[in-house]
Amino acid sequence: MGEKLQWTDLKNFPWMVFFLAIVIWVAIAGANFYYQSQGGYTGTGILFPISVIYPNQFLWSGFVFAFLFLISGIFAFKHVERLNVYLLFLISILLVVLGNMSQGNFDTAFLQPFYLKGRQYYADAINITDGQVWLRDFSKNLEYFQMHTKTHPPFVTLLHFWILNISNIETLAIVFFAIGCLSFPLFYQILVYLGFEETRRKWLLVLFAVIPSVNIYLLVSIDALVLTSTLIFLLGLTRIFHQNKIDIVSFLLICFGLILTNLITFSGLFLFAFLACFSFYFLIRGKWNFVWLTLMSTVVFALAFLVIYARTGYNQLETFLLASHSENPDGFRLFHQPFVYLMTRLEDIGEIFLFLSFGFLALLFSKKPGTEVFENRNVNILFFSAIAAISAMLLTGAYGTGETARACLFLVPYFMILLKDINSNQFKILFYLCLIQTFGMQMIGNFYW
């Protein structure tokens, strides 16, 4: 895998798909912009499919950090085979920090995502005086909270409150980032369980750090915490594949991932939809073991939230229904705004794809030799179960406000494991394309959630 890139390798990359993806993006974005400029309403942002972006301040320090990110990424990938995996974990974390410091300084990169514009969980967390009372009365006071607080379970805001209660906003930022960085060792171990060759595991680890969605949103984002918790869930499943049996450790990992994810986001329902699709695959082949696994995991999940209700008075189901109504007050959008429903679905899918990178899309939709991404049975089961689950959620109208590159950050590992068997030189081209795209995106804009 250490061979150098040749002209034929560059020529064999699916450039037609790469540029076609860019042309399609520009065409849809242009049509969307023109329609909105003429007074039309699509329910999407004017920079389709990007939901949220603010221009950078273009500080000189930002330029320095951006180029350090670019140089570090190239250096890491060139020497990845000789580096210890623990050193690669540190390098991956450094790449995320450098990418985000392209915003200019520590305040812009680490702190402003919490307090800027006053619409974040932080704005509600600093007003909590008694966490137990606040949790008990959460659903009663839902309409008075900031947009993000009232569309998520209360434990997100409470986590802010607990950390701020013993320290400050700088500690809050560092704790969030530290939890998000646990995704690197978790993802690496998942690759081990799926049988990835060692050098490919190392390459994927560094790619994971520079892929646009992860590099941009892993820093001080609630969705970085969700990425970590969903990887715990995925670790349990891949452990079962690795051992070819369901054991207590795998079961506990799955349950812990389910519970933890649903404590911090209602997108945790994705994991139940995933388990349903996953179990159905095995059920139609006459295997009931994963059906029982799903049922038992659901029972443990329900018991956990019953205990929470009994101890605190907080009702997860009630809050979910209120949050759903808050985001879609007029009901299912397809029935009353079919065009907006269609455009927001395109926006959601488009943003996930854009933040995966155009290079990744080129490989995903290519049929050229050496770019095969659907060659491994276990990988395919996981990937298509994830796609079926997220498709079902999008069809119901989920993510009506866009920002799916952030909110669906947990999907990235399912896409990345598709790279198990692609040609190594095609992988190298993909890495550099991702690195350059992330470099450009971090230089141009600030992607607050």
Protein backbone atom coordinates (compact mmCIF):
# COMPACT_ATOMS: atom_id res chain seq x y z
CA MET A 1 0.00 0.00 0.00
CA GLY A 2 3.04 2.25 0.06
CA GLU A 3 3.35 2.63 -3.74
CA LYS A 4 3.49 6.13 -5.20
CA LEU A 5 0.70 7.65 -7.22
CA GLN A 6 1.15 7.41 -10.97
CA TRP A 7 -0.47 9.37 -13.79
CA THR A 8 -2.62 6.34 -14.61
CA ASP A 9 -3.95 6.33 -11.04
CA LEU A 10 -5.00 9.95 -11.35
CA LYS A 11 -6.54 9.23 -14.74
CA ASN A 12 -8.48 6.26 -13.39
CA PHE A 13 -10.12 8.25 -10.58
CA PRO A 14 -13.84 8.82 -11.37
CA TRP A 15 -13.39 12.48 -12.27
CA MET A 16 -16.54 12.48 -14.40
CA VAL A 17 -18.67 11.70 -11.33
CA PHE A 18 -16.64 14.18 -9.26
CA PHE A 19 -17.29 17.10 -11.60
CA LEU A 20 -20.86 15.99 -12.33
CA ALA A 21 -21.59 16.19 -8.58
CA ILE A 22 -20.23 19.75 -8.53
CA VAL A 23 -22.28 20.71 -11.61
CA ILE A 24 -25.49 19.29 -10.08
CA TRP A 25 -24.80 21.14 -6.82
CA VAL A 26 -24.21 24.45 -8.62
CA ALA A 27 -27.33 23.98 -10.77
CA ILE A 28 -29.67 23.23 -7.84
CA ALA A 29 -28.10 25.95 -5.69
CA GLY A 30 -28.42 28.46 -8.52
CA ALA A 31 -32.04 27.56 -9.21
CA ASN A 32 -32.85 27.75 -5.51
CA PHE A 33 -31.16 31.16 -5.16
CA TYR A 34 -32.94 32.55 -8.24
CA TYR A 35 -36.34 31.27 -7.10
CA GLN A 36 -35.91 32.83 -3.65
CA SER A 37 -34.66 36.11 -5.12
CA GLN A 38 -37.92 36.28 -7.09
CA GLY A 39 -39.92 36.03 -3.88
CA GLY A 40 -40.38 32.25 -3.80
CA TYR A 41 -40.12 30.17 -0.64
CA THR A 42 -38.34 26.83 -0.53
CA GLY A 43 -37.74 26.45 3.20
CA THR A 44 -33.99 26.20 2.55
CA GLY A 45 -31.06 28.58 2.91
CA ILE A 46 -29.85 30.69 0.01
CA LEU A 47 -26.55 28.75 -0.14
CA PHE A 48 -28.21 25.41 -0.83
CA PRO A 49 -27.65 22.89 0.62
CA ILE A 50 -25.61 24.57 3.39
CA SER A 51 -28.03 25.48 6.17
CA VAL A 52 -25.84 27.65 8.37
CA ILE A 53 -22.67 29.52 7.40
CA TYR A 54 -21.21 32.86 8.42
CA PRO A 55 -18.23 34.47 6.68
CA ASN A 56 -14.87 34.19 8.44
CA GLN A 57 -13.13 37.24 9.89
CA PHE A 58 -10.06 36.45 7.74
CA LEU A 59 -7.57 36.95 10.54
CA TRP A 60 -3.90 36.29 9.73
CA SER A 61 -3.77 33.77 12.56
CA GLY A 62 -6.59 31.89 10.83
CA PHE A 63 -4.54 31.65 7.63
CA VAL A 64 -1.58 30.30 9.60
CA PHE A 65 -3.68 27.62 11.33
CA ALA A 66 -5.37 26.67 8.05
CA PHE A 67 -2.03 26.08 6.33
CA LEU A 68 -0.74 24.19 9.37
CA PHE A 69 -3.82 21.97 9.04
CA LEU A 70 -3.07 21.37 5.36
CA ILE A 71 0.63 20.62 5.93
CA SER A 72 -0.09 18.41 8.97
CA GLY A 73 -2.66 16.42 7.02
CA ILE A 74 -0.22 15.79 4.17
CA PHE A 75 2.59 14.88 6.57
CA ALA A 76 0.41 12.52 8.62
CA PHE A 77 -0.88 10.68 5.57
CA LYS A 78 2.57 10.32 4.00
CA HIS A 79 3.99 8.75 7.19
CA VAL A 80 0.85 7.02 8.48
CA GLU A 81 2.19 3.49 8.00
CA ARG A 82 5.21 4.15 10.23
CA LEU A 83 3.34 5.94 13.01
CA ASN A 84 2.06 4.31 16.18
CA VAL A 85 -1.74 4.20 16.38
CA TYR A 86 -1.74 6.14 19.67
CA LEU A 87 0.28 8.89 18.03
CA LEU A 88 -2.24 8.86 15.19
CA PHE A 89 -5.03 9.46 17.70
CA LEU A 90 -3.19 12.60 18.85
CA ILE A 91 -2.53 13.68 15.26
CA SER A 92 -6.21 13.22 14.41
CA ILE A 93 -7.20 15.41 17.35
CA LEU A 94 -4.59 17.99 16.30
CA LEU A 95 -6.04 18.05 12.76
CA VAL A 96 -9.49 18.85 14.14
CA VAL A 97 -8.07 21.61 16.36
CA LEU A 98 -6.02 23.16 13.53
CA GLY A 99 -8.95 22.96 11.13
CA ASN A 100 -11.21 24.83 13.53
CA MET A 101 -8.55 27.31 14.59
CA SER A 102 -8.71 28.46 10.97
CA GLN A 103 -11.55 30.59 12.34
CA GLY A 104 -8.82 32.76 13.87
CA ASN A 105 -8.51 32.18 17.61
CA PHE A 106 -9.58 30.12 20.63
CA ASP A 107 -12.64 32.26 21.36
CA THR A 108 -14.02 31.95 17.83
CA ALA A 109 -13.32 28.24 17.50
CA PHE A 110 -14.02 26.93 21.02
CA LEU A 111 -16.29 29.41 22.82
CA GLN A 112 -18.47 31.34 20.38
CA PRO A 113 -20.40 28.20 19.29
CA PHE A 114 -21.75 28.16 22.88
CA TYR A 115 -22.66 31.79 23.49
CA LEU A 116 -22.88 33.55 20.11
CA LYS A 117 -26.33 34.87 19.19
CA GLY A 118 -27.78 33.62 22.50
CA ARG A 119 -29.85 30.82 20.94
CA GLN A 120 -27.82 27.89 22.17
CA TYR A 121 -28.26 25.52 25.12
CA TYR A 122 -25.78 27.69 27.01
CA ALA A 123 -28.25 30.59 27.09
CA ASP A 124 -30.76 28.43 28.99
CA ALA A 125 -28.16 26.59 31.09
CA ILE A 126 -26.87 29.79 32.74
CA ASN A 127 -30.41 30.57 33.93
CA ILE A 128 -30.91 27.24 35.75
CA THR A 129 -30.84 27.55 39.54
CA ASP A 130 -32.00 24.09 40.58
CA GLY A 131 -31.32 21.31 38.07
CA GLN A 132 -33.76 18.84 39.66
CA VAL A 133 -36.68 21.28 39.59
CA TRP A 134 -35.77 22.44 36.08
CA LEU A 135 -35.78 18.83 34.81
CA ARG A 136 -39.09 18.02 36.52
CA ASP A 137 -40.81 21.04 34.96
CA PHE A 138 -39.04 20.85 31.60
CA SER A 139 -42.05 19.90 29.46
CA LYS A 140 -44.23 22.54 31.17
CA ASN A 141 -41.78 25.31 30.33
CA LEU A 142 -40.74 24.01 26.91
CA GLU A 143 -42.18 26.91 24.91
CA TYR A 144 -40.08 29.45 26.84
CA PHE A 145 -36.71 27.88 26.02
CA GLN A 146 -34.31 28.64 23.18
CA MET A 147 -34.82 26.84 19.87
CA HIS A 148 -32.18 24.18 20.45
CA THR A 149 -33.17 23.47 24.05
CA LYS A 150 -36.81 22.84 23.23
CA THR A 151 -36.07 20.46 20.34
CA HIS A 152 -33.72 18.21 22.36
CA PRO A 153 -34.01 16.21 25.57
CA PRO A 154 -33.23 18.34 28.66
CA PHE A 155 -30.07 16.41 29.55
CA VAL A 156 -28.14 18.35 26.88
CA THR A 157 -28.78 21.64 28.67
CA LEU A 158 -28.34 20.03 32.07
CA LEU A 159 -24.90 18.80 31.00
CA HIS A 160 -23.98 22.43 30.28
CA PHE A 161 -25.36 23.43 33.68
CA TRP A 162 -23.49 20.72 35.62
CA ILE A 163 -20.13 21.59 34.05
CA LEU A 164 -20.66 25.34 34.38
CA ASN A 165 -21.70 24.84 37.99
CA ILE A 166 -18.24 23.55 38.89
CA SER A 167 -16.12 25.47 36.37
CA ASN A 168 -16.42 27.85 33.38
CA ILE A 169 -17.17 28.00 29.67
CA GLU A 170 -13.57 27.11 28.75
CA THR A 171 -13.88 23.87 30.71
CA LEU A 172 -17.24 23.23 29.06
CA ALA A 173 -15.62 23.52 25.62
CA ILE A 174 -12.71 21.24 26.52
CA VAL A 175 -14.97 18.57 28.08
CA PHE A 176 -17.23 18.51 25.03
CA PHE A 177 -14.26 18.24 22.70
CA ALA A 178 -12.67 15.50 24.81
CA ILE A 179 -15.86 13.42 24.68
CA GLY A 180 -16.10 13.94 20.92
CA CYS A 181 -12.48 12.82 20.49
CA LEU A 182 -13.34 9.44 22.02
CA SER A 183 -14.85 8.73 18.60
CA PHE A 184 -11.34 8.15 17.21
CA PRO A 185 -10.40 5.08 19.31
CA LEU A 186 -13.98 3.79 19.09
CA PHE A 187 -13.98 4.05 15.31
CA TYR A 188 -10.56 2.41 15.10
CA GLN A 189 -11.74 -0.57 17.19
CA ILE A 190 -14.83 -0.91 14.98
CA LEU A 191 -12.49 -1.19 11.98
CA VAL A 192 -10.58 -3.93 13.82
CA TYR A 193 -13.81 -5.86 14.44
CA LEU A 194 -14.77 -5.50 10.75
CA GLY A 195 -11.47 -7.04 9.67
CA PHE A 196 -9.78 -3.99 8.15
CA GLU A 197 -6.08 -4.43 7.40
CA GLU A 198 -3.83 -2.39 9.75
CA THR A 199 -2.58 0.17 7.25
CA ARG A 200 -6.11 0.73 5.94
CA ARG A 201 -7.29 1.27 9.53
CA LYS A 202 -4.63 3.94 10.02
CA TRP A 203 -5.49 5.63 6.74
CA LEU A 204 -9.18 5.69 7.64
CA LEU A 205 -8.43 7.14 11.06
CA VAL A 206 -6.63 10.13 9.53
CA LEU A 207 -9.29 10.48 6.82
CA PHE A 208 -11.94 10.48 9.56
CA ALA A 209 -10.25 13.55 11.07
CA VAL A 210 -10.16 15.54 7.81
CA ILE A 211 -13.49 14.64 6.24
CA PRO A 212 -15.40 17.98 6.21
CA SER A 213 -18.32 17.10 8.49
CA VAL A 214 -16.13 15.58 11.22
CA ASN A 215 -13.41 18.21 11.06
CA ILE A 216 -15.93 21.05 11.23
CA TYR A 217 -18.42 19.69 13.77
CA LEU A 218 -16.33 17.53 16.13
CA LEU A 219 -15.23 20.59 18.07
CA VAL A 220 -17.59 21.64 20.93
CA SER A 221 -20.69 20.26 19.24
CA ILE A 222 -23.47 18.28 20.88
CA ASP A 223 -23.44 16.16 17.75
CA ALA A 224 -19.85 15.15 18.48
CA LEU A 225 -21.16 13.65 21.72
CA VAL A 226 -23.85 11.89 19.70
CA LEU A 227 -21.18 10.56 17.32
CA THR A 228 -19.33 9.06 20.29
CA SER A 229 -22.43 7.48 21.82
CA THR A 230 -23.61 6.01 18.51
CA LEU A 231 -20.13 4.57 17.93
CA ILE A 232 -20.47 2.75 21.27
CA PHE A 233 -23.66 1.22 19.86
CA LEU A 234 -21.93 0.32 16.57
CA LEU A 235 -19.00 -1.14 18.49
CA GLY A 236 -21.38 -3.62 20.13
CA LEU A 237 -22.78 -4.72 16.78
CA THR A 238 -19.41 -5.12 15.08
CA ARG A 239 -18.13 -7.05 18.10
CA ILE A 240 -20.93 -9.55 17.42
CA PHE A 241 -19.77 -9.85 13.80
CA HIS A 242 -16.19 -10.32 14.96
CA GLN A 243 -17.04 -13.07 17.49
CA ASN A 244 -19.91 -14.51 15.48
CA LYS A 245 -22.01 -14.58 18.65
CA ILE A 246 -23.99 -12.27 20.92
CA ASP A 247 -22.38 -11.96 24.33
CA ILE A 248 -23.14 -9.84 27.40
CA VAL A 249 -20.46 -7.22 26.61
CA SER A 250 -21.85 -6.63 23.11
CA PHE A 251 -25.38 -6.44 24.49
CA LEU A 252 -24.37 -3.90 27.16
CA LEU A 253 -22.50 -1.77 24.61
CA ILE A 254 -25.59 -1.68 22.40
CA CYS A 255 -27.89 -0.81 25.31
CA PHE A 256 -25.51 1.84 26.66
CA GLY A 257 -25.22 3.43 23.22
CA LEU A 258 -29.01 3.44 22.82
CA ILE A 259 -29.69 5.01 26.19
CA LEU A 260 -26.88 7.56 26.09
CA THR A 261 -27.75 8.73 22.58
CA ASN A 262 -31.43 9.17 23.40
CA LEU A 263 -30.58 11.12 26.54
CA ILE A 264 -28.99 13.84 24.42
CA THR A 265 -30.90 13.81 21.13
CA PHE A 266 -34.20 12.67 19.70
CA SER A 267 -32.20 11.61 16.65
CA GLY A 268 -31.41 8.60 18.81
CA LEU A 269 -34.56 7.13 17.27
CA PHE A 270 -32.30 6.45 14.29
CA LEU A 271 -30.73 3.61 16.28
CA PHE A 272 -34.12 1.93 16.77
CA ALA A 273 -34.93 2.31 13.07
CA PHE A 274 -31.48 0.91 12.32
CA LEU A 275 -32.04 -2.10 14.59
CA ALA A 276 -35.41 -2.72 12.94
CA CYS A 277 -33.86 -2.76 9.44
CA PHE A 278 -30.87 -4.77 10.66
CA SER A 279 -33.08 -7.38 12.34
CA PHE A 280 -35.41 -7.59 9.34
CA TYR A 281 -32.47 -8.51 7.11
CA PHE A 282 -31.64 -11.50 9.30
CA LEU A 283 -35.30 -12.37 9.91
CA ILE A 284 -36.01 -12.89 6.21
CA ARG A 285 -33.07 -15.30 6.27
CA GLY A 286 -34.67 -17.25 9.08
CA LYS A 287 -32.38 -15.98 11.85
CA TRP A 288 -34.11 -14.73 15.00
CA ASN A 289 -31.10 -13.89 17.18
CA PHE A 290 -30.94 -10.20 16.18
CA VAL A 291 -34.72 -9.87 16.54
CA TRP A 292 -34.39 -11.00 20.16
CA LEU A 293 -31.42 -8.68 20.60
CA THR A 294 -33.52 -5.75 19.38
CA LEU A 295 -36.44 -6.64 21.64
CA MET A 296 -34.25 -7.07 24.73
CA SER A 297 -32.39 -3.81 24.02
CA THR A 298 -35.73 -2.01 23.69
CA VAL A 299 -36.91 -3.46 27.01
CA VAL A 300 -33.73 -2.29 28.77
CA PHE A 301 -34.11 1.13 27.16
CA ALA A 302 -37.74 1.44 28.29
CA LEU A 303 -36.88 0.38 31.83
CA ALA A 304 -34.09 2.96 31.99
CA PHE A 305 -36.43 5.81 31.06
CA LEU A 306 -39.13 4.51 33.42
CA VAL A 307 -36.57 4.70 36.22
CA ILE A 308 -35.69 8.26 35.17
CA TYR A 309 -39.38 9.17 35.20
CA ALA A 310 -39.91 7.61 38.62
CA ARG A 311 -36.88 9.39 40.10
CA THR A 312 -37.18 12.83 38.45
CA GLY A 313 -40.69 13.22 37.02
CA TYR A 314 -39.26 13.74 33.54
CA ASN A 315 -41.26 12.09 30.71
CA GLN A 316 -39.20 11.45 27.54
CA LEU A 317 -42.20 10.54 25.37
CA GLU A 318 -44.15 13.66 26.33
CA THR A 319 -41.14 15.87 25.62
CA PHE A 320 -40.55 14.20 22.26
CA LEU A 321 -44.14 14.85 21.17
CA LEU A 322 -43.94 18.48 22.28
CA ALA A 323 -40.58 18.97 20.56
CA SER A 324 -41.93 17.44 17.33
CA HIS A 325 -44.89 19.81 17.41
CA SER A 326 -42.56 22.73 18.10
CA GLU A 327 -40.48 21.96 15.00
CA ASN A 328 -43.52 21.18 12.77
CA PRO A 329 -46.45 23.10 14.31
CA ASP A 330 -48.64 22.62 11.21
CA GLY A 331 -48.15 18.86 11.09
CA PHE A 332 -46.73 16.70 8.31
CA ARG A 333 -45.30 19.19 5.81
CA LEU A 334 -45.96 17.04 2.72
CA PHE A 335 -49.70 17.64 3.16
CA HIS A 336 -49.62 21.43 3.49
CA GLN A 337 -46.31 22.45 1.86
CA PRO A 338 -45.38 19.69 -0.61
CA PHE A 339 -42.83 21.80 -2.53
CA VAL A 340 -41.08 22.90 0.67
CA TYR A 341 -41.16 19.29 1.88
CA LEU A 342 -39.40 18.18 -1.32
CA MET A 343 -36.80 20.96 -1.24
CA THR A 344 -35.95 20.43 2.43
CA ARG A 345 -35.53 16.69 1.80
CA LEU A 346 -33.10 17.54 -1.05
CA GLU A 347 -31.35 19.99 1.27
CA ASP A 348 -30.93 17.36 3.99
CA ILE A 349 -29.50 14.77 1.61
CA GLY A 350 -27.40 17.33 -0.24
CA GLU A 351 -25.80 18.67 2.92
CA ILE A 352 -24.83 15.20 4.12
CA PHE A 353 -23.24 14.52 0.73
CA LEU A 354 -21.50 17.91 0.47
CA PHE A 355 -19.87 17.53 3.89
CA LEU A 356 -18.76 14.00 3.04
CA SER A 357 -16.83 15.68 0.19
CA PHE A 358 -17.13 15.57 -3.58
CA GLY A 359 -14.27 13.07 -3.69
CA PHE A 360 -16.22 10.66 -1.54
CA LEU A 361 -19.29 11.06 -3.76
CA ALA A 362 -17.14 10.27 -6.81
CA LEU A 363 -16.15 6.91 -5.32
CA LEU A 364 -19.60 6.20 -3.91
CA PHE A 365 -21.30 6.48 -7.31
CA SER A 366 -18.44 5.20 -9.48
CA LYS A 367 -18.36 1.88 -11.34
CA LYS A 368 -14.70 2.06 -12.32
CA PRO A 369 -12.43 -0.88 -11.39
CA GLY A 370 -10.66 -0.27 -8.10
CA THR A 371 -13.44 1.92 -6.69
CA GLU A 372 -15.80 -0.85 -5.62
CA VAL A 373 -17.41 0.10 -2.30
CA PHE A 374 -20.03 -2.63 -1.85
CA GLU A 375 -17.81 -5.69 -1.74
CA ASN A 376 -18.05 -6.75 1.92
CA ARG A 377 -21.18 -8.47 3.27
CA ASN A 378 -20.98 -7.23 6.87
CA VAL A 379 -20.20 -3.69 5.77
CA ASN A 380 -23.15 -3.75 3.36
CA ILE A 381 -25.54 -4.95 6.08
CA LEU A 382 -24.50 -2.08 8.36
CA PHE A 383 -24.48 0.56 5.62
CA PHE A 384 -27.81 -0.26 4.02
CA SER A 385 -29.51 -0.64 7.41
CA ALA A 386 -28.28 2.87 8.24
CA ILE A 387 -29.44 4.26 4.89
CA ALA A 388 -32.87 2.64 5.24
CA ALA A 389 -33.21 4.04 8.77
CA ILE A 390 -32.21 7.62 7.90
CA SER A 391 -34.39 7.50 4.76
CA ALA A 392 -37.41 6.58 6.86
CA MET A 393 -36.68 9.49 9.20
CA LEU A 394 -36.30 11.96 6.33
CA LEU A 395 -39.55 10.77 4.76
CA THR A 396 -41.39 11.53 8.02
CA GLY A 397 -40.17 15.13 7.72
CA ALA A 398 -37.32 14.94 10.23
CA TYR A 399 -34.63 17.63 10.12
CA GLY A 400 -37.02 20.26 8.87
CA THR A 401 -34.46 22.97 9.66
CA GLY A 402 -31.63 21.35 7.73
CA GLU A 403 -28.15 21.24 9.28
CA THR A 404 -27.94 17.52 8.61
CA ALA A 405 -24.16 17.59 8.12
CA ARG A 406 -24.10 18.34 11.85
CA ALA A 407 -27.22 16.56 13.07
CA CYS A 408 -26.42 13.40 11.08
CA LEU A 409 -22.73 13.33 11.93
CA PHE A 410 -23.34 9.81 13.25
CA LEU A 411 -23.81 8.62 9.63
CA VAL A 412 -20.19 9.29 8.63
CA PRO A 413 -18.73 5.99 9.99
CA TYR A 414 -21.29 4.00 7.98
CA PHE A 415 -20.07 5.68 4.80
CA MET A 416 -16.41 5.36 5.69
CA ILE A 417 -16.47 1.61 6.26
CA LEU A 418 -17.42 1.27 2.57
CA LEU A 419 -13.78 2.06 1.77
CA LYS A 420 -12.61 -1.33 3.03
CA ASP A 421 -11.59 -2.75 -0.34
CA ILE A 422 -11.07 0.17 -2.72
CA ASN A 423 -7.74 0.46 -4.52
CA SER A 424 -5.09 2.05 -2.27
CA ASN A 425 -4.14 4.70 -4.84
CA GLN A 426 -7.79 5.68 -5.29
CA PHE A 427 -7.93 6.00 -1.48
CA LYS A 428 -4.93 8.37 -1.55
CA ILE A 429 -6.58 10.61 -4.13
CA LEU A 430 -9.74 10.66 -2.02
CA PHE A 431 -7.77 11.69 1.06
CA TYR A 432 -6.14 14.67 -0.65
CA LEU A 433 -9.45 15.78 -2.19
CA CYS A 434 -11.08 15.66 1.26
CA LEU A 435 -8.17 17.52 2.83
CA ILE A 436 -8.31 20.30 0.24
CA GLN A 437 -12.11 20.64 0.44
CA THR A 438 -12.02 20.86 4.24
CA PHE A 439 -9.17 23.38 4.05
CA GLY A 440 -11.28 25.55 1.74
CA MET A 441 -14.48 25.23 3.79
CA GLN A 442 -12.74 26.06 7.08
CA MET A 443 -11.07 29.09 5.46
CA ILE A 444 -14.28 30.45 3.94
CA GLY A 445 -16.94 30.05 6.58
CA ASN A 446 -18.01 29.55 10.16
CA PHE A 447 -20.50 26.69 10.40
CA TYR A 448 -22.28 27.36 13.69
CA TRP A 449 -25.22 25.19 14.62
